[in-house]
Amino acid sequence: MGPLEPGEVLRASAWLRKNRTTAEMPYTPRLQILSHPSPHLSIYDDAVVAEKVMDPSKVNEWEYVTLEYENTTDSAQEYSVRVKTRAGTGNVWFTLSWMVVNRATIFMIR
């Protein structure tokens, strides 16, 4: 994937689902855009520039979420997209692909 040019918009979407209540799974699944080209290398949220959290009241229901972010800097920047969730034991899954305009597709690896 190439860099996001100034004024260009990154659009991402994902189907999110959790199979536990908020008490059992307090970290709700979310779609994130990061100002880092490698989401698997950025395990913390310090690089998150946009985020959409699914409705925490939904259990065993799929929710389609969308997110977009515009590069408002004056130079080309690299971004990535990930889905992040955590079970009660602290396991985390990330997406290891991304989508910028129509250049690539997001997929999730566990």
PDB file of N, CA and C in Angstrom:
ATOM      1  N   MET A   1       0.843  -1.170   0.000  1.00  0.00           N
ATOM      2  CA  MET A   1       0.000   0.000   0.000  1.00  0.00           C
ATOM      3  C   MET A   1       0.887   1.230   0.000  1.00  0.00           C
ATOM      4  N   GLY A   2       0.508   2.198  -0.771  1.00  0.00           N
ATOM      5  CA  GLY A   2       1.255   3.442  -0.814  1.00  0.00           C
ATOM      6  C   GLY A   2       0.795   4.407   0.255  1.00  0.00           C
ATOM      7  N   PRO A   3       1.484   5.501   0.385  1.00  0.00           N
ATOM      8  CA  PRO A   3       1.106   6.500   1.397  1.00  0.00           C
ATOM      9  C   PRO A   3      -0.192   7.213   1.049  1.00  0.00           C
ATOM     10  N   LEU A   4      -0.825   7.758   2.063  1.00  0.00           N
ATOM     11  CA  LEU A   4      -2.052   8.537   1.913  1.00  0.00           C
ATOM     12  C   LEU A   4      -1.637   9.989   1.664  1.00  0.00           C
ATOM     13  N   GLU A   5      -2.008  10.518   0.515  1.00  0.00           N
ATOM     14  CA  GLU A   5      -1.617  11.870   0.134  1.00  0.00           C
ATOM     15  C   GLU A   5      -2.411  12.906   0.934  1.00  0.00           C
ATOM     16  N   PRO A   6      -1.926  14.149   1.048  1.00  0.00           N
ATOM     17  CA  PRO A   6      -2.672  15.195   1.740  1.00  0.00           C
ATOM     18  C   PRO A   6      -4.071  15.344   1.143  1.00  0.00           C
ATOM     19  N   GLY A   7      -5.081  15.404   2.016  1.00  0.00           N
ATOM     20  CA  GLY A   7      -6.463  15.536   1.578  1.00  0.00           C
ATOM     21  C   GLY A   7      -7.127  14.224   1.201  1.00  0.00           C
ATOM     22  N   GLU A   8      -6.357  13.146   1.059  1.00  0.00           N
ATOM     23  CA  GLU A   8      -6.939  11.850   0.712  1.00  0.00           C
ATOM     24  C   GLU A   8      -7.568  11.231   1.960  1.00  0.00           C
ATOM     25  N   VAL A   9      -8.654  10.473   1.765  1.00  0.00           N
ATOM     26  CA  VAL A   9      -9.402   9.895   2.872  1.00  0.00           C
ATOM     27  C   VAL A   9      -9.239   8.383   2.884  1.00  0.00           C
ATOM     28  N   LEU A  10      -8.955   7.853   4.046  1.00  0.00           N
ATOM     29  CA  LEU A  10      -8.889   6.414   4.261  1.00  0.00           C
ATOM     30  C   LEU A  10     -10.243   5.988   4.815  1.00  0.00           C
ATOM     31  N   ARG A  11     -10.878   5.018   4.182  1.00  0.00           N
ATOM     32  CA  ARG A  11     -12.177   4.508   4.632  1.00  0.00           C
ATOM     33  C   ARG A  11     -12.024   3.037   4.965  1.00  0.00           C
ATOM     34  N   ALA A  12     -12.567   2.643   6.094  1.00  0.00           N
ATOM     35  CA  ALA A  12     -12.491   1.244   6.520  1.00  0.00           C
ATOM     36  C   ALA A  12     -13.826   0.821   7.086  1.00  0.00           C
ATOM     37  N   SER A  13     -14.116  -0.461   6.995  1.00  0.00           N
ATOM     38  CA  SER A  13     -15.339  -1.002   7.583  1.00  0.00           C
ATOM     39  C   SER A  13     -15.074  -2.432   8.022  1.00  0.00           C
ATOM     40  N   ALA A  14     -15.863  -2.891   8.981  1.00  0.00           N
ATOM     41  CA  ALA A  14     -15.685  -4.247   9.493  1.00  0.00           C
ATOM     42  C   ALA A  14     -16.958  -4.709  10.175  1.00  0.00           C
ATOM     43  N   TRP A  15     -17.157  -6.009  10.185  1.00  0.00           N
ATOM     44  CA  TRP A  15     -18.218  -6.624  10.979  1.00  0.00           C
ATOM     45  C   TRP A  15     -17.605  -7.026  12.305  1.00  0.00           C
ATOM     46  N   LEU A  16     -18.176  -6.543  13.414  1.00  0.00           N
ATOM     47  CA  LEU A  16     -17.660  -6.855  14.743  1.00  0.00           C
ATOM     48  C   LEU A  16     -18.711  -7.638  15.524  1.00  0.00           C
ATOM     49  N   ARG A  17     -18.230  -8.506  16.396  1.00  0.00           N
ATOM     50  CA  ARG A  17     -19.143  -9.324  17.204  1.00  0.00           C
ATOM     51  C   ARG A  17     -18.422  -9.733  18.474  1.00  0.00           C
ATOM     52  N   LYS A  18     -19.158  -9.824  19.556  1.00  0.00           N
ATOM     53  CA  LYS A  18     -18.615 -10.373  20.789  1.00  0.00           C
ATOM     54  C   LYS A  18     -19.608 -11.390  21.338  1.00  0.00           C
ATOM     55  N   ASN A  19     -19.091 -12.398  22.001  1.00  0.00           N
ATOM     56  CA  ASN A  19     -19.964 -13.457  22.506  1.00  0.00           C
ATOM     57  C   ASN A  19     -20.000 -13.496  24.027  1.00  0.00           C
ATOM     58  N   ARG A  20     -19.620 -12.398  24.640  1.00  0.00           N
ATOM     59  CA  ARG A  20     -19.626 -12.299  26.095  1.00  0.00           C
ATOM     60  C   ARG A  20     -20.289 -10.988  26.504  1.00  0.00           C
ATOM     61  N   THR A  21     -20.809 -10.941  27.719  1.00  0.00           N
ATOM     62  CA  THR A  21     -21.370  -9.705  28.240  1.00  0.00           C
ATOM     63  C   THR A  21     -20.235  -8.732  28.542  1.00  0.00           C
ATOM     64  N   THR A  22     -20.599  -7.482  28.778  1.00  0.00           N
ATOM     65  CA  THR A  22     -19.584  -6.479  29.100  1.00  0.00           C
ATOM     66  C   THR A  22     -18.841  -6.847  30.381  1.00  0.00           C
ATOM     67  N   ALA A  23     -19.518  -7.461  31.329  1.00  0.00           N
ATOM     68  CA  ALA A  23     -18.850  -7.880  32.568  1.00  0.00           C
ATOM     69  C   ALA A  23     -17.782  -8.933  32.289  1.00  0.00           C
ATOM     70  N   GLU A  24     -18.051  -9.826  31.335  1.00  0.00           N
ATOM     71  CA  GLU A  24     -17.100 -10.888  31.002  1.00  0.00           C
ATOM     72  C   GLU A  24     -16.063 -10.433  29.982  1.00  0.00           C
ATOM     73  N   MET A  25     -16.384  -9.436  29.203  1.00  0.00           N
ATOM     74  CA  MET A  25     -15.509  -8.935  28.145  1.00  0.00           C
ATOM     75  C   MET A  25     -15.548  -7.413  28.161  1.00  0.00           C
ATOM     76  N   PRO A  26     -14.859  -6.802  29.117  1.00  0.00           N
ATOM     77  CA  PRO A  26     -14.955  -5.346  29.285  1.00  0.00           C
ATOM     78  C   PRO A  26     -14.323  -4.537  28.156  1.00  0.00           C
ATOM     79  N   TYR A  27     -13.394  -5.118  27.403  1.00  0.00           N
ATOM     80  CA  TYR A  27     -12.771  -4.404  26.279  1.00  0.00           C
ATOM     81  C   TYR A  27     -13.586  -4.708  25.029  1.00  0.00           C
ATOM     82  N   THR A  28     -14.421  -3.773  24.620  1.00  0.00           N
ATOM     83  CA  THR A  28     -15.333  -3.964  23.505  1.00  0.00           C
ATOM     84  C   THR A  28     -14.576  -3.948  22.169  1.00  0.00           C
ATOM     85  N   PRO A  29     -14.922  -4.839  21.227  1.00  0.00           N
ATOM     86  CA  PRO A  29     -14.276  -4.842  19.906  1.00  0.00           C
ATOM     87  C   PRO A  29     -14.374  -3.481  19.228  1.00  0.00           C
ATOM     88  N   ARG A  30     -13.317  -3.135  18.483  1.00  0.00           N
ATOM     89  CA  ARG A  30     -13.241  -1.816  17.855  1.00  0.00           C
ATOM     90  C   ARG A  30     -12.446  -1.859  16.557  1.00  0.00           C
ATOM     91  N   LEU A  31     -12.764  -0.941  15.684  1.00  0.00           N
ATOM     92  CA  LEU A  31     -12.050  -0.727  14.438  1.00  0.00           C
ATOM     93  C   LEU A  31     -11.190   0.514  14.632  1.00  0.00           C
ATOM     94  N   GLN A  32      -9.902   0.425  14.297  1.00  0.00           N
ATOM     95  CA  GLN A  32      -8.990   1.539  14.540  1.00  0.00           C
ATOM     96  C   GLN A  32      -8.177   1.884  13.298  1.00  0.00           C
ATOM     97  N   ILE A  33      -7.905   3.167  13.114  1.00  0.00           N
ATOM     98  CA  ILE A  33      -6.956   3.648  12.115  1.00  0.00           C
ATOM     99  C   ILE A  33      -5.755   4.165  12.888  1.00  0.00           C
ATOM    100  N   LEU A  34      -4.565   3.723  12.463  1.00  0.00           N
ATOM    101  CA  LEU A  34      -3.333   4.081  13.156  1.00  0.00           C
ATOM    102  C   LEU A  34      -2.413   4.893  12.260  1.00  0.00           C
ATOM    103  N   SER A  35      -1.672   5.804  12.854  1.00  0.00           N
ATOM    104  CA  SER A  35      -0.664   6.580  12.121  1.00  0.00           C
ATOM    105  C   SER A  35       0.652   5.807  12.148  1.00  0.00           C
ATOM    106  N   HIS A  36       0.555   4.550  11.788  1.00  0.00           N
ATOM    107  CA  HIS A  36       1.701   3.629  11.811  1.00  0.00           C
ATOM    108  C   HIS A  36       1.455   2.612  10.712  1.00  0.00           C
ATOM    109  N   PRO A  37       2.421   2.338   9.858  1.00  0.00           N
ATOM    110  CA  PRO A  37       2.167   1.440   8.735  1.00  0.00           C
ATOM    111  C   PRO A  37       2.070  -0.046   9.094  1.00  0.00           C
ATOM    112  N   SER A  38       2.439  -0.435  10.294  1.00  0.00           N
ATOM    113  CA  SER A  38       2.430  -1.850  10.690  1.00  0.00           C
ATOM    114  C   SER A  38       1.635  -2.034  11.976  1.00  0.00           C
ATOM    115  N   PRO A  39       0.334  -2.352  11.877  1.00  0.00           N
ATOM    116  CA  PRO A  39      -0.499  -2.425  13.081  1.00  0.00           C
ATOM    117  C   PRO A  39      -0.068  -3.501  14.067  1.00  0.00           C
ATOM    118  N   HIS A  40       0.544  -4.569  13.589  1.00  0.00           N
ATOM    119  CA  HIS A  40       0.980  -5.624  14.502  1.00  0.00           C
ATOM    120  C   HIS A  40       2.217  -5.221  15.304  1.00  0.00           C
ATOM    121  N   LEU A  41       2.899  -4.153  14.898  1.00  0.00           N
ATOM    122  CA  LEU A  41       4.056  -3.670  15.650  1.00  0.00           C
ATOM    123  C   LEU A  41       3.673  -2.595  16.662  1.00  0.00           C
ATOM    124  N   SER A  42       2.461  -2.088  16.555  1.00  0.00           N
ATOM    125  CA  SER A  42       1.999  -1.032  17.453  1.00  0.00           C
ATOM    126  C   SER A  42       0.925  -1.626  18.363  1.00  0.00           C
ATOM    127  N   ILE A  43       1.334  -2.315  19.407  1.00  0.00           N
ATOM    128  CA  ILE A  43       0.378  -3.016  20.267  1.00  0.00           C
ATOM    129  C   ILE A  43      -0.372  -2.084  21.208  1.00  0.00           C
ATOM    130  N   TYR A  44       0.126  -0.886  21.385  1.00  0.00           N
ATOM    131  CA  TYR A  44      -0.544   0.074  22.255  1.00  0.00           C
ATOM    132  C   TYR A  44      -1.410   1.001  21.409  1.00  0.00           C
ATOM    133  N   ASP A  45      -2.216   1.802  22.047  1.00  0.00           N
ATOM    134  CA  ASP A  45      -3.122   2.691  21.331  1.00  0.00           C
ATOM    135  C   ASP A  45      -2.570   4.089  21.108  1.00  0.00           C
ATOM    136  N   ASP A  46      -1.278   4.293  21.313  1.00  0.00           N
ATOM    137  CA  ASP A  46      -0.694   5.618  21.159  1.00  0.00           C
ATOM    138  C   ASP A  46      -0.697   6.103  19.709  1.00  0.00           C
ATOM    139  N   ALA A  47      -0.815   5.199  18.745  1.00  0.00           N
ATOM    140  CA  ALA A  47      -0.812   5.587  17.341  1.00  0.00           C
ATOM    141  C   ALA A  47      -2.222   5.673  16.755  1.00  0.00           C
ATOM    142  N   VAL A  48      -3.264   5.462  17.562  1.00  0.00           N
ATOM    143  CA  VAL A  48      -4.647   5.491  17.070  1.00  0.00           C
ATOM    144  C   VAL A  48      -5.060   6.932  16.776  1.00  0.00           C
ATOM    145  N   VAL A  49      -5.499   7.177  15.527  1.00  0.00           N
ATOM    146  CA  VAL A  49      -5.961   8.516  15.140  1.00  0.00           C
ATOM    147  C   VAL A  49      -7.477   8.556  14.948  1.00  0.00           C
ATOM    148  N   ALA A  50      -8.111   7.388  14.816  1.00  0.00           N
ATOM    149  CA  ALA A  50      -9.570   7.301  14.696  1.00  0.00           C
ATOM    150  C   ALA A  50     -10.003   5.914  15.156  1.00  0.00           C
ATOM    151  N   GLU A  51     -11.184   5.864  15.763  1.00  0.00           N
ATOM    152  CA  GLU A  51     -11.647   4.593  16.322  1.00  0.00           C
ATOM    153  C   GLU A  51     -13.164   4.544  16.336  1.00  0.00           C
ATOM    154  N   LYS A  52     -13.716   3.363  16.056  1.00  0.00           N
ATOM    155  CA  LYS A  52     -15.156   3.136  16.165  1.00  0.00           C
ATOM    156  C   LYS A  52     -15.349   1.876  16.999  1.00  0.00           C
ATOM    157  N   VAL A  53     -15.997   2.032  18.156  1.00  0.00           N
ATOM    158  CA  VAL A  53     -16.249   0.919  19.071  1.00  0.00           C
ATOM    159  C   VAL A  53     -17.656   0.412  18.803  1.00  0.00           C
ATOM    160  N   MET A  54     -17.816  -0.921  18.779  1.00  0.00           N
ATOM    161  CA  MET A  54     -19.160  -1.461  18.580  1.00  0.00           C
ATOM    162  C   MET A  54     -20.018  -1.186  19.806  1.00  0.00           C
ATOM    163  N   ASP A  55     -21.312  -1.292  19.661  1.00  0.00           N
ATOM    164  CA  ASP A  55     -22.246  -1.086  20.758  1.00  0.00           C
ATOM    165  C   ASP A  55     -21.989  -2.151  21.826  1.00  0.00           C
ATOM    166  N   PRO A  56     -21.556  -1.774  23.029  1.00  0.00           N
ATOM    167  CA  PRO A  56     -21.202  -2.762  24.050  1.00  0.00           C
ATOM    168  C   PRO A  56     -22.387  -3.574  24.570  1.00  0.00           C
ATOM    169  N   SER A  57     -23.601  -3.117  24.314  1.00  0.00           N
ATOM    170  CA  SER A  57     -24.774  -3.866  24.793  1.00  0.00           C
ATOM    171  C   SER A  57     -25.096  -5.066  23.905  1.00  0.00           C
ATOM    172  N   LYS A  58     -24.512  -5.134  22.723  1.00  0.00           N
ATOM    173  CA  LYS A  58     -24.790  -6.241  21.800  1.00  0.00           C
ATOM    174  C   LYS A  58     -23.951  -7.458  22.163  1.00  0.00           C
ATOM    175  N   VAL A  59     -24.622  -8.590  22.330  1.00  0.00           N
ATOM    176  CA  VAL A  59     -23.944  -9.858  22.600  1.00  0.00           C
ATOM    177  C   VAL A  59     -24.476 -10.873  21.596  1.00  0.00           C
ATOM    178  N   ASN A  60     -23.568 -11.595  20.943  1.00  0.00           N
ATOM    179  CA  ASN A  60     -23.908 -12.578  19.909  1.00  0.00           C
ATOM    180  C   ASN A  60     -24.680 -11.957  18.743  1.00  0.00           C
ATOM    181  N   GLU A  61     -24.373 -10.702  18.447  1.00  0.00           N
ATOM    182  CA  GLU A  61     -24.949  -9.999  17.297  1.00  0.00           C
ATOM    183  C   GLU A  61     -23.814  -9.364  16.514  1.00  0.00           C
ATOM    184  N   TRP A  62     -23.884  -9.462  15.206  1.00  0.00           N
ATOM    185  CA  TRP A  62     -22.905  -8.788  14.359  1.00  0.00           C
ATOM    186  C   TRP A  62     -23.276  -7.320  14.234  1.00  0.00           C
ATOM    187  N   GLU A  63     -22.267  -6.465  14.231  1.00  0.00           N
ATOM    188  CA  GLU A  63     -22.491  -5.030  14.007  1.00  0.00           C
ATOM    189  C   GLU A  63     -21.509  -4.556  12.949  1.00  0.00           C
ATOM    190  N   TYR A  64     -22.035  -3.882  11.937  1.00  0.00           N
ATOM    191  CA  TYR A  64     -21.214  -3.331  10.862  1.00  0.00           C
ATOM    192  C   TYR A  64     -20.795  -1.926  11.254  1.00  0.00           C
ATOM    193  N   VAL A  65     -19.504  -1.681  11.330  1.00  0.00           N
ATOM    194  CA  VAL A  65     -19.010  -0.351  11.697  1.00  0.00           C
ATOM    195  C   VAL A  65     -18.171   0.205  10.551  1.00  0.00           C
ATOM    196  N   THR A  66     -18.212   1.508  10.405  1.00  0.00           N
ATOM    197  CA  THR A  66     -17.414   2.189   9.382  1.00  0.00           C
ATOM    198  C   THR A  66     -16.640   3.322  10.039  1.00  0.00           C
ATOM    199  N   LEU A  67     -15.561   3.664   9.403  1.00  0.00           N
ATOM    200  CA  LEU A  67     -14.668   4.669   9.962  1.00  0.00           C
ATOM    201  C   LEU A  67     -13.927   5.328   8.813  1.00  0.00           C
ATOM    202  N   GLU A  68     -13.657   6.606   8.934  1.00  0.00           N
ATOM    203  CA  GLU A  68     -12.829   7.257   7.931  1.00  0.00           C
ATOM    204  C   GLU A  68     -11.924   8.280   8.590  1.00  0.00           C
ATOM    205  N   TYR A  69     -10.821   8.551   7.903  1.00  0.00           N
ATOM    206  CA  TYR A  69      -9.842   9.497   8.423  1.00  0.00           C
ATOM    207  C   TYR A  69      -9.199  10.213   7.235  1.00  0.00           C
ATOM    208  N   GLU A  70      -9.118  11.530   7.322  1.00  0.00           N
ATOM    209  CA  GLU A  70      -8.497  12.316   6.264  1.00  0.00           C
ATOM    210  C   GLU A  70      -7.092  12.737   6.677  1.00  0.00           C
ATOM    211  N   ASN A  71      -6.160  12.601   5.757  1.00  0.00           N
ATOM    212  CA  ASN A  71      -4.802  13.077   5.999  1.00  0.00           C
ATOM    213  C   ASN A  71      -4.818  14.596   5.861  1.00  0.00           C
ATOM    214  N   THR A  72      -4.772  15.279   6.994  1.00  0.00           N
ATOM    215  CA  THR A  72      -4.825  16.745   6.985  1.00  0.00           C
ATOM    216  C   THR A  72      -3.436  17.374   7.071  1.00  0.00           C
ATOM    217  N   THR A  73      -2.405  16.558   6.994  1.00  0.00           N
ATOM    218  CA  THR A  73      -1.053  17.099   7.005  1.00  0.00           C
ATOM    219  C   THR A  73      -0.705  17.624   5.616  1.00  0.00           C
ATOM    220  N   ASP A  74       0.457  18.241   5.489  1.00  0.00           N
ATOM    221  CA  ASP A  74       0.871  18.751   4.178  1.00  0.00           C
ATOM    222  C   ASP A  74       1.835  17.805   3.467  1.00  0.00           C
ATOM    223  N   SER A  75       1.911  16.550   3.943  1.00  0.00           N
ATOM    224  CA  SER A  75       2.767  15.567   3.278  1.00  0.00           C
ATOM    225  C   SER A  75       2.105  14.189   3.311  1.00  0.00           C
ATOM    226  N   ALA A  76       2.564  13.310   2.455  1.00  0.00           N
ATOM    227  CA  ALA A  76       2.027  11.953   2.403  1.00  0.00           C
ATOM    228  C   ALA A  76       2.388  11.217   3.695  1.00  0.00           C
ATOM    229  N   GLN A  77       1.437  10.454   4.219  1.00  0.00           N
ATOM    230  CA  GLN A  77       1.634   9.714   5.469  1.00  0.00           C
ATOM    231  C   GLN A  77       1.200   8.263   5.271  1.00  0.00           C
ATOM    232  N   GLU A  78       1.778   7.357   6.052  1.00  0.00           N
ATOM    233  CA  GLU A  78       1.369   5.957   6.016  1.00  0.00           C
ATOM    234  C   GLU A  78       0.474   5.668   7.212  1.00  0.00           C
ATOM    235  N   TYR A  79      -0.622   4.981   6.948  1.00  0.00           N
ATOM    236  CA  TYR A  79      -1.580   4.610   7.981  1.00  0.00           C
ATOM    237  C   TYR A  79      -1.875   3.124   7.852  1.00  0.00           C
ATOM    238  N   SER A  80      -2.473   2.568   8.877  1.00  0.00           N
ATOM    239  CA  SER A  80      -2.928   1.182   8.821  1.00  0.00           C
ATOM    240  C   SER A  80      -4.252   1.077   9.561  1.00  0.00           C
ATOM    241  N   VAL A  81      -4.922  -0.029   9.358  1.00  0.00           N
ATOM    242  CA  VAL A  81      -6.227  -0.279   9.969  1.00  0.00           C
ATOM    243  C   VAL A  81      -6.168  -1.610  10.679  1.00  0.00           C
ATOM    244  N   ARG A  82      -6.810  -1.679  11.840  1.00  0.00           N
ATOM    245  CA  ARG A  82      -6.881  -2.952  12.543  1.00  0.00           C
ATOM    246  C   ARG A  82      -8.201  -3.078  13.290  1.00  0.00           C
ATOM    247  N   VAL A  83      -8.557  -4.312  13.546  1.00  0.00           N
ATOM    248  CA  VAL A  83      -9.654  -4.623  14.450  1.00  0.00           C
ATOM    249  C   VAL A  83      -8.993  -5.119  15.715  1.00  0.00           C
ATOM    250  N   LYS A  84      -9.420  -4.583  16.837  1.00  0.00           N
ATOM    251  CA  LYS A  84      -8.799  -4.957  18.101  1.00  0.00           C
ATOM    252  C   LYS A  84      -9.880  -5.384  19.084  1.00  0.00           C
ATOM    253  N   THR A  85      -9.637  -6.485  19.746  1.00  0.00           N
ATOM    254  CA  THR A  85     -10.552  -6.972  20.768  1.00  0.00           C
ATOM    255  C   THR A  85      -9.765  -7.775  21.781  1.00  0.00           C
ATOM    256  N   ARG A  86     -10.364  -8.021  22.890  1.00  0.00           N
ATOM    257  CA  ARG A  86      -9.658  -8.745  23.946  1.00  0.00           C
ATOM    258  C   ARG A  86     -10.665  -9.583  24.712  1.00  0.00           C
ATOM    259  N   ALA A  87     -10.313 -10.828  24.951  1.00  0.00           N
ATOM    260  CA  ALA A  87     -11.148 -11.691  25.781  1.00  0.00           C
ATOM    261  C   ALA A  87     -10.838 -11.399  27.252  1.00  0.00           C
ATOM    262  N   GLY A  88     -11.540 -12.044  28.158  1.00  0.00           N
ATOM    263  CA  GLY A  88     -11.298 -11.838  29.580  1.00  0.00           C
ATOM    264  C   GLY A  88      -9.899 -12.215  30.006  1.00  0.00           C
ATOM    265  N   THR A  89      -9.242 -13.094  29.245  1.00  0.00           N
ATOM    266  CA  THR A  89      -7.890 -13.518  29.582  1.00  0.00           C
ATOM    267  C   THR A  89      -6.829 -12.565  29.046  1.00  0.00           C
ATOM    268  N   GLY A  90      -7.245 -11.584  28.252  1.00  0.00           N
ATOM    269  CA  GLY A  90      -6.287 -10.609  27.735  1.00  0.00           C
ATOM    270  C   GLY A  90      -5.767 -10.915  26.350  1.00  0.00           C
ATOM    271  N   ASN A  91      -6.311 -11.911  25.667  1.00  0.00           N
ATOM    272  CA  ASN A  91      -5.889 -12.196  24.299  1.00  0.00           C
ATOM    273  C   ASN A  91      -6.291 -11.051  23.398  1.00  0.00           C
ATOM    274  N   VAL A  92      -5.452 -10.748  22.422  1.00  0.00           N
ATOM    275  CA  VAL A  92      -5.723  -9.647  21.502  1.00  0.00           C
ATOM    276  C   VAL A  92      -5.550 -10.161  20.078  1.00  0.00           C
ATOM    277  N   TRP A  93      -6.455  -9.752  19.186  1.00  0.00           N
ATOM    278  CA  TRP A  93      -6.346 -10.088  17.773  1.00  0.00           C
ATOM    279  C   TRP A  93      -6.294  -8.784  16.989  1.00  0.00           C
ATOM    280  N   PHE A  94      -5.464  -8.743  15.985  1.00  0.00           N
ATOM    281  CA  PHE A  94      -5.341  -7.552  15.151  1.00  0.00           C
ATOM    282  C   PHE A  94      -5.593  -7.910  13.694  1.00  0.00           C
ATOM    283  N   THR A  95      -6.044  -6.953  12.915  1.00  0.00           N
ATOM    284  CA  THR A  95      -6.039  -7.143  11.471  1.00  0.00           C
ATOM    285  C   THR A  95      -4.633  -6.843  11.001  1.00  0.00           C
ATOM    286  N   LEU A  96      -4.182  -7.606  10.041  1.00  0.00           N
ATOM    287  CA  LEU A  96      -2.836  -7.417   9.523  1.00  0.00           C
ATOM    288  C   LEU A  96      -2.851  -6.967   8.069  1.00  0.00           C
ATOM    289  N   SER A  97      -3.978  -6.452   7.639  1.00  0.00           N
ATOM    290  CA  SER A  97      -4.078  -5.857   6.321  1.00  0.00           C
ATOM    291  C   SER A  97      -4.900  -4.586   6.474  1.00  0.00           C
ATOM    292  N   TRP A  98      -5.091  -3.859   5.404  1.00  0.00           N
ATOM    293  CA  TRP A  98      -5.759  -2.577   5.508  1.00  0.00           C
ATOM    294  C   TRP A  98      -6.426  -2.225   4.197  1.00  0.00           C
ATOM    295  N   MET A  99      -7.121  -1.095   4.203  1.00  0.00           N
ATOM    296  CA  MET A  99      -7.792  -0.640   2.991  1.00  0.00           C
ATOM    297  C   MET A  99      -7.643   0.867   2.876  1.00  0.00           C
ATOM    298  N   VAL A 100      -7.086   1.328   1.794  1.00  0.00           N
ATOM    299  CA  VAL A 100      -7.009   2.755   1.507  1.00  0.00           C
ATOM    300  C   VAL A 100      -7.687   2.951   0.167  1.00  0.00           C
ATOM    301  N   VAL A 101      -8.732   3.760   0.173  1.00  0.00           N
ATOM    302  CA  VAL A 101      -9.575   3.970  -0.991  1.00  0.00           C
ATOM    303  C   VAL A 101      -9.979   2.574  -1.483  1.00  0.00           C
ATOM    304  N   ASN A 102      -9.579   2.131  -2.656  1.00  0.00           N
ATOM    305  CA  ASN A 102      -9.907   0.773  -3.103  1.00  0.00           C
ATOM    306  C   ASN A 102      -8.635   0.008  -3.443  1.00  0.00           C
ATOM    307  N   ARG A 103      -7.571   0.221  -2.705  1.00  0.00           N
ATOM    308  CA  ARG A 103      -6.287  -0.378  -3.029  1.00  0.00           C
ATOM    309  C   ARG A 103      -6.044  -1.732  -2.376  1.00  0.00           C
ATOM    310  N   ALA A 104      -6.730  -2.015  -1.280  1.00  0.00           N
ATOM    311  CA  ALA A 104      -6.474  -3.272  -0.577  1.00  0.00           C
ATOM    312  C   ALA A 104      -7.707  -3.642   0.226  1.00  0.00           C
ATOM    313  N   THR A 105      -7.703  -4.822   0.786  1.00  0.00           N
ATOM    314  CA  THR A 105      -8.842  -5.318   1.556  1.00  0.00           C
ATOM    315  C   THR A 105      -8.405  -5.696   2.962  1.00  0.00           C
ATOM    316  N   ILE A 106      -9.249  -5.411   3.931  1.00  0.00           N
ATOM    317  CA  ILE A 106      -8.970  -5.800   5.304  1.00  0.00           C
ATOM    318  C   ILE A 106      -9.311  -7.271   5.501  1.00  0.00           C
ATOM    319  N   PHE A 107      -8.464  -7.973   6.198  1.00  0.00           N
ATOM    320  CA  PHE A 107      -8.792  -9.328   6.629  1.00  0.00           C
ATOM    321  C   PHE A 107      -8.243  -9.517   8.020  1.00  0.00           C
ATOM    322  N   MET A 108      -8.814 -10.446   8.759  1.00  0.00           N
ATOM    323  CA  MET A 108      -8.394 -10.637  10.146  1.00  0.00           C
ATOM    324  C   MET A 108      -7.684 -11.972  10.301  1.00  0.00           C
ATOM    325  N   ILE A 109      -6.605 -11.952  11.029  1.00  0.00           N
ATOM    326  CA  ILE A 109      -5.838 -13.152  11.330  1.00  0.00           C
ATOM    327  C   ILE A 109      -5.899 -13.366  12.832  1.00  0.00           C
ATOM    328  N   ARG A 110      -6.073 -14.573  13.231  1.00  0.00           N
ATOM    329  CA  ARG A 110      -6.107 -14.873  14.665  1.00  0.00           C
ATOM    330  C   ARG A 110      -4.884 -15.672  15.021  1.00  0.00           C
TER     331      ARG A 110
END
